[in-house]
Amino acid sequence: MEITKIQFDVNGLIPAVLQDSTDGEILMVGYMNKESLSRTLESNDVWFYSRSREKLWLKGGTSGNRMKMVAISPDCDGDALLLKVEAQGPACHTGQKTCFYEKFNLEEWESAEKGVGSIGEILDRLASTISNRNDEMPDGSYTAELLREGLEKIGQKVIEEAGETALAALGNSKSKTKQESADLLYHLLVLLESKGVSLEEVAAELVSRYK
């Protein structure tokens, strides 16, 4: 297929799948516009377009984990791209080789469909969202703004929310206690992200105390 027949969507974007050229493993999915595709073709360094930041970004430009394109193929309709790459480090911001390292849990999915899910599932999802905000730093995001301000500001918010949670409980307001507890947990997760401490590490610490 000729490159001119590539079909960009109404926003001028096309999904691009990165595949390891050595073992065929799928590494990640991003979006390209005409400019990022042109830069990729010219340099062989993979460029994407960030929908949240509305600008181009070089994969691995900050981390050094660049992706060198060795081949590119449109799909049969021309509305998706497959890029075979030489990975110069992990593709995922978590440090994993691929962004598709999670196992799909059908039981958790069915549980979530029936309700809000367990507290562990919710905290995991929230922690993942906070991690993504830390990676992308989108404008207008309260989480990103907190992370930009640093540990001192985040620590102050945790202290503030902890105090408000205690006061709500002492005031015998169940509704207010739930609200303040949610605020406290959120800000604590932001603190953990800023400090580089995972929920798994906190869980392991808890388990070690009750063996």
N, C-alpha and C. Protein backbone atom coordinates (compact mmCIF):
# COMPACT_ATOMS: atom_id res chain seq x y z
N MET A 1 0.84 -1.20 0.00
CA MET A 1 0.00 0.00 0.00
C MET A 1 0.87 1.24 0.00
N GLU A 2 0.52 2.23 -0.82
CA GLU A 2 1.28 3.47 -0.85
C GLU A 2 1.05 4.26 0.43
N ILE A 3 2.11 4.95 0.86
CA ILE A 3 2.03 5.70 2.11
C ILE A 3 0.97 6.78 2.03
N THR A 4 0.68 7.28 0.82
CA THR A 4 -0.33 8.32 0.65
C THR A 4 -1.74 7.80 0.88
N LYS A 5 -1.92 6.49 0.92
CA LYS A 5 -3.24 5.91 1.13
C LYS A 5 -3.54 5.62 2.59
N ILE A 6 -2.64 5.99 3.47
CA ILE A 6 -2.89 5.81 4.90
C ILE A 6 -4.07 6.67 5.32
N GLN A 7 -4.97 6.09 6.10
CA GLN A 7 -6.20 6.76 6.51
C GLN A 7 -6.07 7.28 7.94
N PHE A 8 -5.90 8.60 8.09
CA PHE A 8 -5.93 9.21 9.41
C PHE A 8 -7.39 9.45 9.81
N ASP A 9 -7.67 9.40 11.12
CA ASP A 9 -9.05 9.58 11.57
C ASP A 9 -9.44 11.06 11.53
N VAL A 10 -10.62 11.37 12.04
CA VAL A 10 -11.14 12.75 11.96
C VAL A 10 -10.27 13.72 12.74
N ASN A 11 -9.48 13.20 13.70
CA ASN A 11 -8.58 14.05 14.47
C ASN A 11 -7.18 14.09 13.88
N GLY A 12 -7.03 13.46 12.70
CA GLY A 12 -5.73 13.46 12.05
C GLY A 12 -4.75 12.47 12.64
N LEU A 13 -5.27 11.42 13.30
CA LEU A 13 -4.42 10.45 13.99
C LEU A 13 -4.62 9.05 13.45
N ILE A 14 -3.61 8.20 13.69
CA ILE A 14 -3.68 6.80 13.33
C ILE A 14 -2.98 5.98 14.41
N PRO A 15 -3.59 4.87 14.87
CA PRO A 15 -2.93 4.04 15.88
C PRO A 15 -1.71 3.34 15.30
N ALA A 16 -0.66 3.27 16.11
CA ALA A 16 0.59 2.63 15.67
C ALA A 16 1.00 1.59 16.71
N VAL A 17 1.13 0.36 16.28
CA VAL A 17 1.51 -0.76 17.15
C VAL A 17 3.01 -1.01 16.98
N LEU A 18 3.73 -1.08 18.10
CA LEU A 18 5.16 -1.37 18.06
C LEU A 18 5.40 -2.84 18.38
N GLN A 19 6.17 -3.50 17.52
CA GLN A 19 6.47 -4.92 17.67
C GLN A 19 7.97 -5.13 17.68
N ASP A 20 8.45 -5.93 18.62
CA ASP A 20 9.88 -6.24 18.70
C ASP A 20 10.29 -7.03 17.45
N SER A 21 11.26 -6.51 16.73
CA SER A 21 11.67 -7.16 15.48
C SER A 21 12.43 -8.46 15.70
N THR A 22 12.90 -8.69 16.93
CA THR A 22 13.69 -9.90 17.19
C THR A 22 12.83 -11.10 17.59
N ASP A 23 11.79 -10.87 18.40
CA ASP A 23 10.98 -12.01 18.86
C ASP A 23 9.50 -11.87 18.55
N GLY A 24 9.09 -10.76 17.91
CA GLY A 24 7.70 -10.60 17.51
C GLY A 24 6.76 -10.16 18.61
N GLU A 25 7.27 -9.88 19.82
CA GLU A 25 6.39 -9.48 20.92
C GLU A 25 5.87 -8.07 20.69
N ILE A 26 4.56 -7.88 20.97
CA ILE A 26 3.95 -6.56 20.88
C ILE A 26 4.38 -5.74 22.09
N LEU A 27 4.89 -4.54 21.84
CA LEU A 27 5.47 -3.73 22.91
C LEU A 27 4.52 -2.66 23.44
N MET A 28 3.87 -1.95 22.54
CA MET A 28 2.99 -0.86 22.97
C MET A 28 2.16 -0.37 21.80
N VAL A 29 1.20 0.50 22.11
CA VAL A 29 0.38 1.15 21.10
C VAL A 29 0.39 2.65 21.37
N GLY A 30 0.60 3.44 20.33
CA GLY A 30 0.53 4.88 20.45
C GLY A 30 -0.22 5.46 19.27
N TYR A 31 -0.26 6.78 19.20
CA TYR A 31 -0.92 7.44 18.08
C TYR A 31 0.06 8.34 17.34
N MET A 32 -0.09 8.40 16.03
CA MET A 32 0.74 9.26 15.20
C MET A 32 -0.15 10.20 14.39
N ASN A 33 0.39 11.38 14.12
CA ASN A 33 -0.21 12.23 13.10
C ASN A 33 0.76 12.28 11.93
N LYS A 34 0.48 13.08 10.91
CA LYS A 34 1.33 13.10 9.73
C LYS A 34 2.76 13.54 10.07
N GLU A 35 2.86 14.53 10.99
CA GLU A 35 4.19 15.03 11.31
C GLU A 35 5.02 14.00 12.07
N SER A 36 4.41 13.34 13.05
CA SER A 36 5.17 12.34 13.82
C SER A 36 5.54 11.15 12.94
N LEU A 37 4.65 10.79 12.00
CA LEU A 37 4.97 9.71 11.07
C LEU A 37 6.13 10.11 10.17
N SER A 38 6.10 11.34 9.68
CA SER A 38 7.18 11.83 8.83
C SER A 38 8.52 11.81 9.56
N ARG A 39 8.51 12.27 10.82
CA ARG A 39 9.75 12.28 11.61
C ARG A 39 10.27 10.86 11.83
N THR A 40 9.33 9.94 12.05
CA THR A 40 9.73 8.54 12.25
C THR A 40 10.37 7.98 10.99
N LEU A 41 9.76 8.25 9.84
CA LEU A 41 10.28 7.75 8.58
C LEU A 41 11.63 8.38 8.23
N GLU A 42 11.82 9.63 8.60
CA GLU A 42 13.07 10.32 8.28
C GLU A 42 14.23 9.90 9.18
N SER A 43 13.92 9.65 10.49
CA SER A 43 14.98 9.41 11.46
C SER A 43 15.11 7.96 11.91
N ASN A 44 14.04 7.18 11.71
CA ASN A 44 13.92 5.80 12.23
C ASN A 44 13.75 5.76 13.74
N ASP A 45 13.79 6.90 14.42
CA ASP A 45 13.38 6.99 15.82
C ASP A 45 11.87 7.16 15.84
N VAL A 46 11.18 6.39 16.69
CA VAL A 46 9.72 6.43 16.69
C VAL A 46 9.23 7.68 17.42
N TRP A 47 8.39 8.45 16.72
CA TRP A 47 7.74 9.62 17.29
C TRP A 47 6.24 9.36 17.37
N PHE A 48 5.62 9.85 18.44
CA PHE A 48 4.17 9.76 18.60
C PHE A 48 3.58 11.15 18.75
N TYR A 49 2.25 11.18 18.73
CA TYR A 49 1.52 12.40 19.06
C TYR A 49 0.76 12.15 20.35
N SER A 50 0.99 13.01 21.36
CA SER A 50 0.31 12.88 22.65
C SER A 50 -1.04 13.57 22.58
N ARG A 51 -2.11 12.80 22.75
CA ARG A 51 -3.45 13.38 22.71
C ARG A 51 -3.72 14.25 23.92
N SER A 52 -3.15 13.90 25.08
CA SER A 52 -3.39 14.68 26.30
C SER A 52 -2.61 15.99 26.30
N ARG A 53 -1.37 15.95 25.79
CA ARG A 53 -0.54 17.16 25.77
C ARG A 53 -0.63 17.92 24.45
N GLU A 54 -1.24 17.26 23.45
CA GLU A 54 -1.44 17.86 22.13
C GLU A 54 -0.12 18.31 21.51
N LYS A 55 0.87 17.44 21.55
CA LYS A 55 2.14 17.74 20.90
C LYS A 55 2.88 16.45 20.60
N LEU A 56 3.91 16.56 19.76
CA LEU A 56 4.71 15.40 19.40
C LEU A 56 5.61 15.01 20.57
N TRP A 57 5.94 13.72 20.65
CA TRP A 57 6.94 13.29 21.63
C TRP A 57 7.74 12.12 21.08
N LEU A 58 9.02 12.17 21.36
CA LEU A 58 9.95 11.14 20.93
C LEU A 58 9.96 10.01 21.94
N LYS A 59 9.62 8.80 21.52
CA LYS A 59 9.63 7.66 22.42
C LYS A 59 11.05 7.44 22.94
N GLY A 60 11.19 7.49 24.26
CA GLY A 60 12.50 7.31 24.88
C GLY A 60 13.33 8.58 24.90
N GLY A 61 12.72 9.71 24.54
CA GLY A 61 13.47 10.95 24.52
C GLY A 61 13.98 11.36 25.88
N THR A 62 13.22 11.01 26.94
CA THR A 62 13.63 11.32 28.32
C THR A 62 14.35 10.15 28.96
N SER A 63 13.78 8.95 28.82
CA SER A 63 14.33 7.76 29.48
C SER A 63 15.54 7.18 28.77
N GLY A 64 15.67 7.46 27.47
CA GLY A 64 16.74 6.85 26.69
C GLY A 64 16.34 5.52 26.07
N ASN A 65 15.11 5.05 26.40
CA ASN A 65 14.64 3.77 25.87
C ASN A 65 14.00 3.97 24.49
N ARG A 66 14.79 4.34 23.52
CA ARG A 66 14.27 4.65 22.21
C ARG A 66 13.89 3.39 21.43
N MET A 67 13.04 3.58 20.46
CA MET A 67 12.60 2.51 19.59
C MET A 67 13.05 2.83 18.17
N LYS A 68 13.91 2.00 17.60
CA LYS A 68 14.43 2.21 16.26
C LYS A 68 13.60 1.41 15.26
N MET A 69 12.93 2.11 14.36
CA MET A 69 12.09 1.43 13.37
C MET A 69 12.95 0.72 12.33
N VAL A 70 12.59 -0.55 12.08
CA VAL A 70 13.28 -1.30 11.03
C VAL A 70 12.34 -1.65 9.88
N ALA A 71 11.02 -1.58 10.13
CA ALA A 71 10.04 -1.84 9.08
C ALA A 71 8.70 -1.26 9.50
N ILE A 72 7.89 -0.91 8.51
CA ILE A 72 6.56 -0.37 8.79
C ILE A 72 5.57 -0.95 7.80
N SER A 73 4.38 -1.32 8.31
CA SER A 73 3.34 -1.90 7.45
C SER A 73 1.98 -1.34 7.84
N PRO A 74 1.22 -0.78 6.90
CA PRO A 74 -0.17 -0.43 7.18
C PRO A 74 -1.01 -1.70 7.17
N ASP A 75 -2.16 -1.68 7.84
CA ASP A 75 -3.05 -2.82 7.72
C ASP A 75 -3.81 -2.71 6.39
N CYS A 76 -4.68 -3.68 6.12
CA CYS A 76 -5.32 -3.78 4.81
C CYS A 76 -6.20 -2.57 4.48
N ASP A 77 -6.73 -1.91 5.53
CA ASP A 77 -7.57 -0.74 5.30
C ASP A 77 -6.79 0.57 5.36
N GLY A 78 -5.54 0.49 5.77
CA GLY A 78 -4.73 1.68 5.86
C GLY A 78 -5.04 2.56 7.05
N ASP A 79 -5.79 2.03 8.05
CA ASP A 79 -6.16 2.86 9.20
C ASP A 79 -5.46 2.43 10.49
N ALA A 80 -4.39 1.66 10.38
CA ALA A 80 -3.54 1.30 11.51
C ALA A 80 -2.16 0.95 10.97
N LEU A 81 -1.14 1.15 11.81
CA LEU A 81 0.24 0.89 11.40
C LEU A 81 0.89 -0.12 12.33
N LEU A 82 1.72 -0.99 11.76
CA LEU A 82 2.55 -1.90 12.53
C LEU A 82 4.00 -1.52 12.27
N LEU A 83 4.70 -1.18 13.36
CA LEU A 83 6.11 -0.82 13.25
C LEU A 83 6.96 -1.88 13.94
N LYS A 84 7.83 -2.53 13.18
CA LYS A 84 8.79 -3.44 13.77
C LYS A 84 10.00 -2.62 14.20
N VAL A 85 10.42 -2.81 15.45
CA VAL A 85 11.44 -1.93 16.01
C VAL A 85 12.54 -2.71 16.71
N GLU A 86 13.69 -2.07 16.82
CA GLU A 86 14.74 -2.53 17.71
C GLU A 86 14.62 -1.72 18.99
N ALA A 87 14.26 -2.40 20.08
CA ALA A 87 14.02 -1.72 21.34
C ALA A 87 15.33 -1.48 22.07
N GLN A 88 15.60 -0.21 22.40
CA GLN A 88 16.82 0.14 23.12
C GLN A 88 16.53 0.31 24.61
N GLY A 89 15.67 -0.56 25.11
CA GLY A 89 15.27 -0.53 26.51
C GLY A 89 13.81 -0.91 26.63
N PRO A 90 13.25 -0.91 27.85
CA PRO A 90 11.85 -1.27 28.05
C PRO A 90 10.93 -0.31 27.33
N ALA A 91 9.82 -0.82 26.82
CA ALA A 91 8.83 0.03 26.16
C ALA A 91 7.89 0.69 27.16
N CYS A 92 7.66 0.03 28.29
CA CYS A 92 6.68 0.50 29.27
C CYS A 92 7.33 1.40 30.31
N HIS A 93 6.59 2.44 30.75
CA HIS A 93 7.12 3.36 31.75
C HIS A 93 7.32 2.69 33.11
N THR A 94 6.72 1.49 33.30
CA THR A 94 6.89 0.76 34.57
C THR A 94 8.23 0.03 34.63
N GLY A 95 8.94 -0.01 33.49
CA GLY A 95 10.19 -0.76 33.43
C GLY A 95 10.04 -2.13 32.81
N GLN A 96 8.79 -2.52 32.52
CA GLN A 96 8.54 -3.80 31.85
C GLN A 96 8.92 -3.68 30.38
N LYS A 97 9.30 -4.80 29.79
CA LYS A 97 9.67 -4.80 28.38
C LYS A 97 8.51 -4.33 27.51
N THR A 98 7.30 -4.80 27.82
CA THR A 98 6.12 -4.49 27.04
C THR A 98 5.05 -3.88 27.92
N CYS A 99 4.19 -3.05 27.35
CA CYS A 99 3.07 -2.49 28.09
C CYS A 99 1.97 -3.54 28.32
N PHE A 100 2.08 -4.68 27.65
CA PHE A 100 1.05 -5.72 27.74
C PHE A 100 1.50 -6.87 28.65
N TYR A 101 2.02 -6.52 29.82
CA TYR A 101 2.51 -7.56 30.74
C TYR A 101 1.43 -8.04 31.71
N GLU A 102 0.32 -7.29 31.82
CA GLU A 102 -0.74 -7.68 32.75
C GLU A 102 -1.53 -8.86 32.19
N LYS A 103 -1.97 -9.74 33.09
CA LYS A 103 -2.84 -10.85 32.72
C LYS A 103 -4.29 -10.42 32.87
N PHE A 104 -5.11 -10.70 31.86
CA PHE A 104 -6.52 -10.36 31.95
C PHE A 104 -7.22 -11.35 32.87
N ASN A 105 -7.88 -10.83 33.91
CA ASN A 105 -8.56 -11.67 34.89
C ASN A 105 -10.07 -11.58 34.65
N LEU A 106 -10.63 -12.65 34.11
CA LEU A 106 -12.05 -12.66 33.78
C LEU A 106 -12.91 -12.52 35.03
N GLU A 107 -12.49 -13.15 36.14
CA GLU A 107 -13.28 -13.06 37.37
C GLU A 107 -13.35 -11.63 37.88
N GLU A 108 -12.22 -10.92 37.83
CA GLU A 108 -12.21 -9.52 38.27
C GLU A 108 -13.08 -8.67 37.36
N TRP A 109 -13.04 -8.95 36.06
CA TRP A 109 -13.87 -8.22 35.11
C TRP A 109 -15.35 -8.40 35.42
N GLU A 110 -15.74 -9.65 35.63
CA GLU A 110 -17.15 -9.92 35.92
C GLU A 110 -17.56 -9.30 37.24
N SER A 111 -16.64 -9.28 38.22
CA SER A 111 -16.92 -8.66 39.50
C SER A 111 -17.10 -7.16 39.36
N ALA A 112 -16.25 -6.54 38.55
CA ALA A 112 -16.33 -5.10 38.34
C ALA A 112 -17.62 -4.72 37.62
N GLU A 113 -18.07 -5.61 36.70
CA GLU A 113 -19.30 -5.34 35.97
C GLU A 113 -20.51 -5.34 36.90
N LYS A 114 -20.39 -6.09 37.98
CA LYS A 114 -21.52 -6.21 38.92
C LYS A 114 -21.51 -5.11 39.97
N GLY A 115 -20.40 -4.47 40.16
CA GLY A 115 -20.32 -3.44 41.19
C GLY A 115 -19.07 -2.61 41.05
N VAL A 116 -18.71 -1.89 42.09
CA VAL A 116 -17.55 -0.99 42.02
C VAL A 116 -16.24 -1.74 42.13
N GLY A 117 -16.26 -3.00 42.58
CA GLY A 117 -15.03 -3.76 42.74
C GLY A 117 -14.49 -3.65 44.16
N SER A 118 -13.50 -4.47 44.47
CA SER A 118 -12.92 -4.47 45.81
C SER A 118 -12.05 -3.23 45.99
N ILE A 119 -11.75 -2.92 47.25
CA ILE A 119 -10.91 -1.76 47.54
C ILE A 119 -9.53 -1.93 46.93
N GLY A 120 -9.03 -3.16 46.90
CA GLY A 120 -7.72 -3.41 46.31
C GLY A 120 -7.71 -3.12 44.82
N GLU A 121 -8.77 -3.54 44.12
CA GLU A 121 -8.88 -3.29 42.69
C GLU A 121 -8.97 -1.79 42.40
N ILE A 122 -9.76 -1.10 43.21
CA ILE A 122 -9.94 0.34 43.01
C ILE A 122 -8.64 1.08 43.25
N LEU A 123 -7.93 0.72 44.32
CA LEU A 123 -6.65 1.38 44.60
C LEU A 123 -5.63 1.09 43.51
N ASP A 124 -5.63 -0.13 42.99
CA ASP A 124 -4.72 -0.48 41.89
C ASP A 124 -5.01 0.38 40.67
N ARG A 125 -6.30 0.53 40.33
CA ARG A 125 -6.66 1.33 39.16
C ARG A 125 -6.30 2.80 39.37
N LEU A 126 -6.55 3.30 40.58
CA LEU A 126 -6.23 4.69 40.87
C LEU A 126 -4.72 4.92 40.84
N ALA A 127 -3.96 3.97 41.41
CA ALA A 127 -2.50 4.09 41.39
C ALA A 127 -1.97 4.08 39.96
N SER A 128 -2.59 3.26 39.10
CA SER A 128 -2.18 3.20 37.70
C SER A 128 -2.46 4.52 36.99
N THR A 129 -3.63 5.12 37.27
CA THR A 129 -3.97 6.41 36.68
C THR A 129 -2.99 7.49 37.13
N ILE A 130 -2.65 7.50 38.41
CA ILE A 130 -1.71 8.47 38.95
C ILE A 130 -0.34 8.29 38.30
N SER A 131 0.08 7.04 38.10
CA SER A 131 1.35 6.77 37.44
C SER A 131 1.35 7.30 36.01
N ASN A 132 0.22 7.15 35.31
CA ASN A 132 0.12 7.67 33.95
C ASN A 132 0.20 9.20 33.92
N ARG A 133 -0.43 9.84 34.91
CA ARG A 133 -0.36 11.30 35.00
C ARG A 133 1.09 11.74 35.24
N ASN A 134 1.81 10.97 36.04
CA ASN A 134 3.21 11.29 36.32
C ASN A 134 4.06 11.13 35.07
N ASP A 135 3.68 10.19 34.23
CA ASP A 135 4.43 9.94 32.99
C ASP A 135 4.14 11.00 31.94
N GLU A 136 2.87 11.40 31.81
CA GLU A 136 2.47 12.29 30.73
C GLU A 136 2.40 13.76 31.17
N MET A 137 2.15 14.02 32.45
CA MET A 137 2.05 15.38 32.99
C MET A 137 1.12 16.28 32.16
N PRO A 138 -0.13 15.87 31.94
CA PRO A 138 -1.03 16.69 31.11
C PRO A 138 -1.41 18.00 31.80
N ASP A 139 -1.56 19.04 31.01
CA ASP A 139 -2.00 20.32 31.55
C ASP A 139 -3.44 20.20 32.05
N GLY A 140 -3.75 20.91 33.14
CA GLY A 140 -5.10 20.90 33.68
C GLY A 140 -5.38 19.75 34.61
N SER A 141 -4.41 18.88 34.84
CA SER A 141 -4.60 17.74 35.74
C SER A 141 -4.15 18.11 37.15
N TYR A 142 -5.06 17.95 38.14
CA TYR A 142 -4.71 18.23 39.53
C TYR A 142 -3.59 17.31 40.01
N THR A 143 -3.66 16.05 39.59
CA THR A 143 -2.63 15.09 39.98
C THR A 143 -1.26 15.50 39.45
N ALA A 144 -1.22 15.87 38.17
CA ALA A 144 0.05 16.30 37.57
C ALA A 144 0.59 17.54 38.27
N GLU A 145 -0.32 18.47 38.62
CA GLU A 145 0.11 19.70 39.30
C GLU A 145 0.72 19.37 40.67
N LEU A 146 0.08 18.45 41.40
CA LEU A 146 0.62 18.03 42.70
C LEU A 146 2.02 17.43 42.54
N LEU A 147 2.17 16.56 41.54
CA LEU A 147 3.46 15.91 41.32
C LEU A 147 4.53 16.92 40.93
N ARG A 148 4.14 17.94 40.18
CA ARG A 148 5.10 18.99 39.82
C ARG A 148 5.58 19.75 41.05
N GLU A 149 4.68 19.96 42.01
CA GLU A 149 5.03 20.75 43.19
C GLU A 149 5.94 19.98 44.16
N GLY A 150 5.95 18.66 44.08
CA GLY A 150 6.92 17.89 44.82
C GLY A 150 6.45 17.34 46.16
N LEU A 151 7.35 16.61 46.80
CA LEU A 151 7.03 15.87 48.01
C LEU A 151 6.55 16.74 49.17
N GLU A 152 7.14 17.91 49.32
CA GLU A 152 6.75 18.76 50.45
C GLU A 152 5.28 19.15 50.37
N LYS A 153 4.84 19.60 49.19
CA LYS A 153 3.44 19.96 49.01
C LYS A 153 2.53 18.76 49.16
N ILE A 154 2.93 17.63 48.57
CA ILE A 154 2.10 16.42 48.66
C ILE A 154 2.01 15.95 50.10
N GLY A 155 3.14 16.00 50.82
CA GLY A 155 3.14 15.61 52.23
C GLY A 155 2.22 16.48 53.06
N GLN A 156 2.20 17.78 52.78
CA GLN A 156 1.31 18.69 53.49
C GLN A 156 -0.15 18.33 53.25
N LYS A 157 -0.47 17.93 52.00
CA LYS A 157 -1.84 17.54 51.68
C LYS A 157 -2.23 16.26 52.41
N VAL A 158 -1.31 15.32 52.53
CA VAL A 158 -1.61 14.07 53.26
C VAL A 158 -1.89 14.38 54.73
N ILE A 159 -1.07 15.25 55.33
CA ILE A 159 -1.28 15.64 56.74
C ILE A 159 -2.63 16.33 56.89
N GLU A 160 -2.94 17.24 55.96
CA GLU A 160 -4.21 17.96 56.01
C GLU A 160 -5.39 17.02 55.90
N GLU A 161 -5.33 16.09 54.94
CA GLU A 161 -6.45 15.16 54.74
C GLU A 161 -6.59 14.18 55.91
N ALA A 162 -5.46 13.78 56.49
CA ALA A 162 -5.51 12.89 57.65
C ALA A 162 -6.21 13.58 58.81
N GLY A 163 -5.89 14.86 59.02
CA GLY A 163 -6.54 15.62 60.09
C GLY A 163 -8.03 15.77 59.84
N GLU A 164 -8.41 16.07 58.60
CA GLU A 164 -9.82 16.24 58.28
C GLU A 164 -10.59 14.93 58.41
N THR A 165 -9.93 13.82 58.10
CA THR A 165 -10.58 12.51 58.27
C THR A 165 -10.84 12.23 59.74
N ALA A 166 -9.85 12.51 60.58
CA ALA A 166 -10.01 12.28 62.02
C ALA A 166 -11.10 13.18 62.60
N LEU A 167 -11.12 14.45 62.18
CA LEU A 167 -12.14 15.38 62.69
C LEU A 167 -13.53 14.96 62.25
N ALA A 168 -13.65 14.45 61.01
CA ALA A 168 -14.95 13.99 60.52
C ALA A 168 -15.45 12.81 61.35
N ALA A 169 -14.54 11.90 61.68
CA ALA A 169 -14.92 10.74 62.50
C ALA A 169 -15.31 11.17 63.91
N LEU A 170 -14.53 12.10 64.48
CA LEU A 170 -14.84 12.59 65.83
C LEU A 170 -16.16 13.35 65.85
N GLY A 171 -16.53 13.92 64.71
CA GLY A 171 -17.79 14.65 64.62
C GLY A 171 -18.98 13.75 64.35
N ASN A 172 -18.73 12.44 64.32
CA ASN A 172 -19.80 11.44 64.16
C ASN A 172 -20.55 11.56 62.83
N SER A 173 -19.85 12.06 61.82
CA SER A 173 -20.47 12.15 60.49
C SER A 173 -19.93 11.01 59.62
N LYS A 174 -20.77 9.99 59.39
CA LYS A 174 -20.34 8.85 58.58
C LYS A 174 -20.10 9.28 57.14
N SER A 175 -20.98 10.11 56.60
CA SER A 175 -20.83 10.55 55.22
C SER A 175 -19.55 11.36 55.03
N LYS A 176 -19.30 12.29 55.94
CA LYS A 176 -18.10 13.12 55.84
C LYS A 176 -16.85 12.28 56.03
N THR A 177 -16.92 11.28 56.91
CA THR A 177 -15.78 10.40 57.14
C THR A 177 -15.42 9.63 55.87
N LYS A 178 -16.45 9.15 55.14
CA LYS A 178 -16.19 8.44 53.88
C LYS A 178 -15.53 9.37 52.87
N GLN A 179 -16.04 10.58 52.76
CA GLN A 179 -15.48 11.52 51.79
C GLN A 179 -14.04 11.88 52.11
N GLU A 180 -13.78 12.18 53.37
CA GLU A 180 -12.42 12.57 53.76
C GLU A 180 -11.46 11.38 53.66
N SER A 181 -11.95 10.17 53.93
CA SER A 181 -11.11 8.99 53.81
C SER A 181 -10.70 8.77 52.35
N ALA A 182 -11.63 9.01 51.44
CA ALA A 182 -11.32 8.89 50.01
C ALA A 182 -10.26 9.92 49.61
N ASP A 183 -10.40 11.15 50.10
CA ASP A 183 -9.40 12.19 49.82
C ASP A 183 -8.02 11.78 50.36
N LEU A 184 -8.03 11.23 51.58
CA LEU A 184 -6.77 10.83 52.21
C LEU A 184 -6.09 9.71 51.41
N LEU A 185 -6.86 8.70 51.00
CA LEU A 185 -6.28 7.60 50.25
C LEU A 185 -5.72 8.08 48.91
N TYR A 186 -6.45 8.96 48.24
CA TYR A 186 -5.97 9.49 46.97
C TYR A 186 -4.63 10.21 47.15
N HIS A 187 -4.56 11.13 48.11
CA HIS A 187 -3.33 11.90 48.31
C HIS A 187 -2.19 11.00 48.79
N LEU A 188 -2.51 9.95 49.54
CA LEU A 188 -1.47 9.01 49.95
C LEU A 188 -0.90 8.28 48.73
N LEU A 189 -1.76 7.91 47.77
CA LEU A 189 -1.28 7.26 46.55
C LEU A 189 -0.39 8.20 45.73
N VAL A 190 -0.75 9.48 45.70
CA VAL A 190 0.10 10.45 45.00
C VAL A 190 1.46 10.54 45.69
N LEU A 191 1.45 10.53 47.02
CA LEU A 191 2.71 10.56 47.78
C LEU A 191 3.57 9.33 47.47
N LEU A 192 2.94 8.16 47.43
CA LEU A 192 3.67 6.93 47.12
C LEU A 192 4.27 6.98 45.72
N GLU A 193 3.50 7.49 44.75
CA GLU A 193 4.00 7.62 43.38
C GLU A 193 5.19 8.56 43.34
N SER A 194 5.08 9.69 44.03
CA SER A 194 6.17 10.66 44.03
C SER A 194 7.42 10.09 44.68
N LYS A 195 7.23 9.23 45.67
CA LYS A 195 8.36 8.64 46.40
C LYS A 195 8.88 7.37 45.72
N GLY A 196 8.14 6.87 44.72
CA GLY A 196 8.57 5.66 44.03
C GLY A 196 8.30 4.39 44.80
N VAL A 197 7.27 4.43 45.65
CA VAL A 197 6.88 3.25 46.44
C VAL A 197 5.59 2.68 45.86
N SER A 198 5.58 1.39 45.53
CA SER A 198 4.40 0.76 44.93
C SER A 198 3.46 0.24 45.99
N LEU A 199 2.20 0.03 45.60
CA LEU A 199 1.23 -0.58 46.51
C LEU A 199 1.65 -1.99 46.90
N GLU A 200 2.30 -2.69 45.97
CA GLU A 200 2.78 -4.04 46.26
C GLU A 200 3.80 -4.03 47.40
N GLU A 201 4.66 -3.02 47.42
CA GLU A 201 5.65 -2.91 48.49
C GLU A 201 4.97 -2.63 49.83
N VAL A 202 3.94 -1.79 49.81
CA VAL A 202 3.20 -1.50 51.04
C VAL A 202 2.48 -2.76 51.52
N ALA A 203 1.88 -3.50 50.57
CA ALA A 203 1.20 -4.74 50.92
C ALA A 203 2.16 -5.75 51.53
N ALA A 204 3.36 -5.87 50.95
CA ALA A 204 4.36 -6.79 51.47
C ALA A 204 4.78 -6.42 52.89
N GLU A 205 4.87 -5.11 53.13
CA GLU A 205 5.21 -4.65 54.49
C GLU A 205 4.12 -5.04 55.48
N LEU A 206 2.86 -4.87 55.07
CA LEU A 206 1.74 -5.25 55.95
C LEU A 206 1.74 -6.76 56.23
N VAL A 207 1.96 -7.54 55.18
CA VAL A 207 1.98 -9.00 55.34
C VAL A 207 3.10 -9.42 56.29
N SER A 208 4.25 -8.78 56.19
CA SER A 208 5.40 -9.15 57.03
C SER A 208 5.12 -8.93 58.52
N ARG A 209 4.16 -8.06 58.80
CA ARG A 209 3.87 -7.75 60.20
C ARG A 209 2.87 -8.71 60.83
N TYR A 210 2.18 -9.46 59.98
CA TYR A 210 1.10 -10.30 60.52
C TYR A 210 1.26 -11.76 60.16
N LYS A 211 2.53 -12.19 59.98
CA LYS A 211 2.79 -13.60 59.72
C LYS A 211 2.70 -14.39 61.01
